[in-house]
PDB file of N, CA and C in Angstrom:
ATOM      1  N   MET A   1     -17.094  32.886  -0.500  1.00  0.00           N
ATOM      2  CA  MET A   1     -17.194  31.829  -1.494  1.00  0.00           C
ATOM      3  C   MET A   1     -15.872  31.658  -2.238  1.00  0.00           C
ATOM      4  N   ARG A   2     -15.119  32.742  -2.352  1.00  0.00           N
ATOM      5  CA  ARG A   2     -13.839  32.679  -3.061  1.00  0.00           C
ATOM      6  C   ARG A   2     -12.852  31.780  -2.317  1.00  0.00           C
ATOM      7  N   SER A   3     -12.819  31.869  -0.991  1.00  0.00           N
ATOM      8  CA  SER A   3     -11.863  31.056  -0.241  1.00  0.00           C
ATOM      9  C   SER A   3     -12.211  29.567  -0.323  1.00  0.00           C
ATOM     10  N   LEU A   4     -13.476  29.256  -0.448  1.00  0.00           N
ATOM     11  CA  LEU A   4     -13.884  27.871  -0.577  1.00  0.00           C
ATOM     12  C   LEU A   4     -13.415  27.289  -1.908  1.00  0.00           C
ATOM     13  N   SER A   5     -13.526  28.043  -2.981  1.00  0.00           N
ATOM     14  CA  SER A   5     -13.061  27.553  -4.283  1.00  0.00           C
ATOM     15  C   SER A   5     -11.539  27.454  -4.321  1.00  0.00           C
ATOM     16  N   VAL A   6     -10.838  28.332  -3.630  1.00  0.00           N
ATOM     17  CA  VAL A   6      -9.377  28.229  -3.536  1.00  0.00           C
ATOM     18  C   VAL A   6      -9.004  26.984  -2.745  1.00  0.00           C
ATOM     19  N   THR A   7      -9.726  26.715  -1.681  1.00  0.00           N
ATOM     20  CA  THR A   7      -9.463  25.530  -0.864  1.00  0.00           C
ATOM     21  C   THR A   7      -9.622  24.259  -1.681  1.00  0.00           C
ATOM     22  N   PHE A   8     -10.726  24.152  -2.431  1.00  0.00           N
ATOM     23  CA  PHE A   8     -10.944  22.963  -3.246  1.00  0.00           C
ATOM     24  C   PHE A   8      -9.946  22.878  -4.403  1.00  0.00           C
ATOM     25  N   GLY A   9      -9.546  24.009  -4.935  1.00  0.00           N
ATOM     26  CA  GLY A   9      -8.544  24.009  -6.005  1.00  0.00           C
ATOM     27  C   GLY A   9      -7.198  23.508  -5.518  1.00  0.00           C
ATOM     28  N   VAL A  10      -6.779  23.982  -4.347  1.00  0.00           N
ATOM     29  CA  VAL A  10      -5.513  23.526  -3.776  1.00  0.00           C
ATOM     30  C   VAL A  10      -5.605  22.047  -3.408  1.00  0.00           C
ATOM     31  N   PHE A  11      -6.713  21.630  -2.847  1.00  0.00           N
ATOM     32  CA  PHE A  11      -6.899  20.228  -2.489  1.00  0.00           C
ATOM     33  C   PHE A  11      -6.859  19.335  -3.730  1.00  0.00           C
ATOM     34  N   GLY A  12      -7.526  19.747  -4.790  1.00  0.00           N
ATOM     35  CA  GLY A  12      -7.525  18.971  -6.030  1.00  0.00           C
ATOM     36  C   GLY A  12      -6.142  18.894  -6.660  1.00  0.00           C
ATOM     37  N   ALA A  13      -5.419  20.012  -6.673  1.00  0.00           N
ATOM     38  CA  ALA A  13      -4.071  20.009  -7.242  1.00  0.00           C
ATOM     39  C   ALA A  13      -3.135  19.129  -6.418  1.00  0.00           C
ATOM     40  N   ALA A  14      -3.256  19.178  -5.102  1.00  0.00           N
ATOM     41  CA  ALA A  14      -2.415  18.342  -4.237  1.00  0.00           C
ATOM     42  C   ALA A  14      -2.757  16.867  -4.427  1.00  0.00           C
ATOM     43  N   THR A  15      -4.039  16.550  -4.592  1.00  0.00           N
ATOM     44  CA  THR A  15      -4.445  15.167  -4.814  1.00  0.00           C
ATOM     45  C   THR A  15      -3.882  14.643  -6.131  1.00  0.00           C
ATOM     46  N   LEU A  16      -3.942  15.442  -7.175  1.00  0.00           N
ATOM     47  CA  LEU A  16      -3.387  15.023  -8.466  1.00  0.00           C
ATOM     48  C   LEU A  16      -1.869  14.860  -8.392  1.00  0.00           C
ATOM     49  N   ALA A  17      -1.189  15.765  -7.684  1.00  0.00           N
ATOM     50  CA  ALA A  17       0.267  15.662  -7.546  1.00  0.00           C
ATOM     51  C   ALA A  17       0.664  14.402  -6.787  1.00  0.00           C
ATOM     52  N   VAL A  18      -0.049  14.088  -5.724  1.00  0.00           N
ATOM     53  CA  VAL A  18       0.254  12.891  -4.942  1.00  0.00           C
ATOM     54  C   VAL A  18      -0.039  11.639  -5.768  1.00  0.00           C
ATOM     55  N   CYS A  19      -1.136  11.618  -6.508  1.00  0.00           N
ATOM     56  CA  CYS A  19      -1.443  10.466  -7.367  1.00  0.00           C
ATOM     57  C   CYS A  19      -0.378  10.289  -8.436  1.00  0.00           C
ATOM     58  N   PHE A  20       0.111  11.374  -8.995  1.00  0.00           N
ATOM     59  CA  PHE A  20       1.154  11.296 -10.014  1.00  0.00           C
ATOM     60  C   PHE A  20       2.448  10.726  -9.434  1.00  0.00           C
ATOM     61  N   LEU A  21       2.754  11.046  -8.198  1.00  0.00           N
ATOM     62  CA  LEU A  21       3.986  10.562  -7.583  1.00  0.00           C
ATOM     63  C   LEU A  21       3.874   9.137  -7.055  1.00  0.00           C
ATOM     64  N   VAL A  22       2.696   8.735  -6.616  1.00  0.00           N
ATOM     65  CA  VAL A  22       2.549   7.456  -5.918  1.00  0.00           C
ATOM     66  C   VAL A  22       2.095   6.338  -6.845  1.00  0.00           C
ATOM     67  N   LEU A  23       1.159   6.572  -7.738  1.00  0.00           N
ATOM     68  CA  LEU A  23       0.519   5.497  -8.489  1.00  0.00           C
ATOM     69  C   LEU A  23       1.357   4.855  -9.592  1.00  0.00           C
ATOM     70  N   PRO A  24       2.135   5.592 -10.386  1.00  0.00           N
ATOM     71  CA  PRO A  24       2.869   4.930 -11.469  1.00  0.00           C
ATOM     72  C   PRO A  24       3.955   3.987 -10.940  1.00  0.00           C
ATOM     73  N   PRO A  25       4.198   2.876 -11.645  1.00  0.00           N
ATOM     74  CA  PRO A  25       5.267   1.953 -11.233  1.00  0.00           C
ATOM     75  C   PRO A  25       6.627   2.482 -11.693  1.00  0.00           C
ATOM     76  N   TRP A  26       7.201   3.395 -10.953  1.00  0.00           N
ATOM     77  CA  TRP A  26       8.467   3.996 -11.336  1.00  0.00           C
ATOM     78  C   TRP A  26       9.562   2.938 -11.372  1.00  0.00           C
ATOM     79  N   PRO A  27      10.438   2.949 -12.390  1.00  0.00           N
ATOM     80  CA  PRO A  27      11.508   1.950 -12.502  1.00  0.00           C
ATOM     81  C   PRO A  27      12.483   1.974 -11.323  1.00  0.00           C
ATOM     82  N   VAL A  28      12.664   3.128 -10.703  1.00  0.00           N
ATOM     83  CA  VAL A  28      13.599   3.204  -9.588  1.00  0.00           C
ATOM     84  C   VAL A  28      13.138   2.341  -8.416  1.00  0.00           C
ATOM     85  N   PHE A  29      11.822   2.140  -8.273  1.00  0.00           N
ATOM     86  CA  PHE A  29      11.307   1.315  -7.188  1.00  0.00           C
ATOM     87  C   PHE A  29      11.373  -0.169  -7.529  1.00  0.00           C
ATOM     88  N   ASN A  30      11.514  -0.513  -8.817  1.00  0.00           N
ATOM     89  CA  ASN A  30      11.529  -1.908  -9.244  1.00  0.00           C
ATOM     90  C   ASN A  30      12.939  -2.448  -9.463  1.00  0.00           C
ATOM     91  N   GLN A  31      13.970  -1.698  -9.086  1.00  0.00           N
ATOM     92  CA  GLN A  31      15.335  -2.169  -9.282  1.00  0.00           C
ATOM     93  C   GLN A  31      15.653  -3.357  -8.391  1.00  0.00           C
ATOM     94  N   ASN A  32      15.190  -3.350  -7.162  1.00  0.00           N
ATOM     95  CA  ASN A  32      15.427  -4.431  -6.210  1.00  0.00           C
ATOM     96  C   ASN A  32      14.083  -4.937  -5.695  1.00  0.00           C
ATOM     97  N   PRO A  33      13.402  -5.794  -6.466  1.00  0.00           N
ATOM     98  CA  PRO A  33      12.077  -6.249  -6.031  1.00  0.00           C
ATOM     99  C   PRO A  33      12.169  -7.128  -4.788  1.00  0.00           C
ATOM    100  N   VAL A  34      11.114  -7.093  -4.013  1.00  0.00           N
ATOM    101  CA  VAL A  34      11.036  -7.888  -2.789  1.00  0.00           C
ATOM    102  C   VAL A  34      10.697  -9.317  -3.168  1.00  0.00           C
ATOM    103  N   LYS A  35      11.464 -10.271  -2.672  1.00  0.00           N
ATOM    104  CA  LYS A  35      11.186 -11.686  -2.899  1.00  0.00           C
ATOM    105  C   LYS A  35      10.398 -12.201  -1.698  1.00  0.00           C
ATOM    106  N   TRP A  36       9.146 -12.528  -1.930  1.00  0.00           N
ATOM    107  CA  TRP A  36       8.279 -12.983  -0.855  1.00  0.00           C
ATOM    108  C   TRP A  36       8.546 -14.453  -0.555  1.00  0.00           C
ATOM    109  N   LEU A  37       8.264 -14.844   0.664  1.00  0.00           N
ATOM    110  CA  LEU A  37       8.419 -16.239   1.057  1.00  0.00           C
ATOM    111  C   LEU A  37       7.339 -17.083   0.392  1.00  0.00           C
ATOM    112  N   PRO A  38       7.631 -18.356   0.093  1.00  0.00           N
ATOM    113  CA  PRO A  38       6.601 -19.199  -0.505  1.00  0.00           C
ATOM    114  C   PRO A  38       5.492 -19.506   0.507  1.00  0.00           C
ATOM    115  N   VAL A  39       4.324 -19.822  -0.004  1.00  0.00           N
ATOM    116  CA  VAL A  39       3.180 -20.130   0.843  1.00  0.00           C
ATOM    117  C   VAL A  39       3.409 -21.481   1.508  1.00  0.00           C
ATOM    118  N   GLN A  40       3.188 -21.534   2.814  1.00  0.00           N
ATOM    119  CA  GLN A  40       3.344 -22.775   3.557  1.00  0.00           C
ATOM    120  C   GLN A  40       1.972 -23.283   3.965  1.00  0.00           C
ATOM    121  N   THR A  41       1.744 -24.560   3.739  1.00  0.00           N
ATOM    122  CA  THR A  41       0.476 -25.149   4.162  1.00  0.00           C
ATOM    123  C   THR A  41       0.615 -25.641   5.597  1.00  0.00           C
ATOM    124  N   GLN A  42      -0.463 -25.557   6.355  1.00  0.00           N
ATOM    125  CA  GLN A  42      -0.443 -25.990   7.746  1.00  0.00           C
ATOM    126  C   GLN A  42      -0.952 -27.422   7.841  1.00  0.00           C
ATOM    127  N   THR A  43      -0.312 -28.203   8.687  1.00  0.00           N
ATOM    128  CA  THR A  43      -0.798 -29.549   8.958  1.00  0.00           C
ATOM    129  C   THR A  43      -1.712 -29.491  10.175  1.00  0.00           C
ATOM    130  N   GLN A  44      -2.323 -30.587  10.512  1.00  0.00           N
ATOM    131  CA  GLN A  44      -3.257 -30.618  11.644  1.00  0.00           C
ATOM    132  C   GLN A  44      -2.546 -30.254  12.939  1.00  0.00           C
ATOM    133  N   GLY A  45      -1.331 -30.718  13.152  1.00  0.00           N
ATOM    134  CA  GLY A  45      -0.595 -30.412  14.375  1.00  0.00           C
ATOM    135  C   GLY A  45      -0.234 -28.932  14.473  1.00  0.00           C
ATOM    136  N   ASP A  46       0.055 -28.295  13.332  1.00  0.00           N
ATOM    137  CA  ASP A  46       0.414 -26.877  13.344  1.00  0.00           C
ATOM    138  C   ASP A  46      -0.768 -26.005  13.739  1.00  0.00           C
ATOM    139  N   THR A  47      -1.968 -26.371  13.354  1.00  0.00           N
ATOM    140  CA  THR A  47      -3.122 -25.537  13.659  1.00  0.00           C
ATOM    141  C   THR A  47      -3.450 -25.586  15.147  1.00  0.00           C
ATOM    142  N   ARG A  48      -3.240 -26.757  15.795  1.00  0.00           N
ATOM    143  CA  ARG A  48      -3.494 -26.831  17.231  1.00  0.00           C
ATOM    144  C   ARG A  48      -2.499 -25.986  18.007  1.00  0.00           C
ATOM    145  N   GLU A  49      -1.225 -25.976  17.571  1.00  0.00           N
ATOM    146  CA  GLU A  49      -0.229 -25.161  18.258  1.00  0.00           C
ATOM    147  C   GLU A  49      -0.499 -23.676  18.029  1.00  0.00           C
ATOM    148  N   ALA A  50      -0.998 -23.310  16.852  1.00  0.00           N
ATOM    149  CA  ALA A  50      -1.311 -21.915  16.571  1.00  0.00           C
ATOM    150  C   ALA A  50      -2.480 -21.456  17.428  1.00  0.00           C
ATOM    151  N   ASN A  51      -3.456 -22.339  17.687  1.00  0.00           N
ATOM    152  CA  ASN A  51      -4.609 -21.973  18.496  1.00  0.00           C
ATOM    153  C   ASN A  51      -4.225 -21.792  19.960  1.00  0.00           C
ATOM    154  N   LYS A  52      -3.209 -22.497  20.448  1.00  0.00           N
ATOM    155  CA  LYS A  52      -2.778 -22.349  21.834  1.00  0.00           C
ATOM    156  C   LYS A  52      -2.183 -20.974  22.086  1.00  0.00           C
ATOM    157  N   THR A  53      -1.441 -20.423  21.104  1.00  0.00           N
ATOM    158  CA  THR A  53      -0.777 -19.150  21.311  1.00  0.00           C
ATOM    159  C   THR A  53      -1.739 -17.985  21.180  1.00  0.00           C
ATOM    160  N   SER A  54      -2.890 -18.140  20.476  1.00  0.00           N
ATOM    161  CA  SER A  54      -3.768 -16.997  20.308  1.00  0.00           C
ATOM    162  C   SER A  54      -4.732 -16.828  21.439  1.00  0.00           C
TER     163      SER A  54
END
């Protein structure tokens, strides 16, 4: 039973450490934000060409 509680303790500590590193919006990651392309609307002709390729 002792090894099971050690296993869950290590798993919980690792989960908290990973959440602490991944979840906050660290400023170092926001120095060069990604500029996404604008949304493009499809016309009727574009949808027929898209259906041919799929």
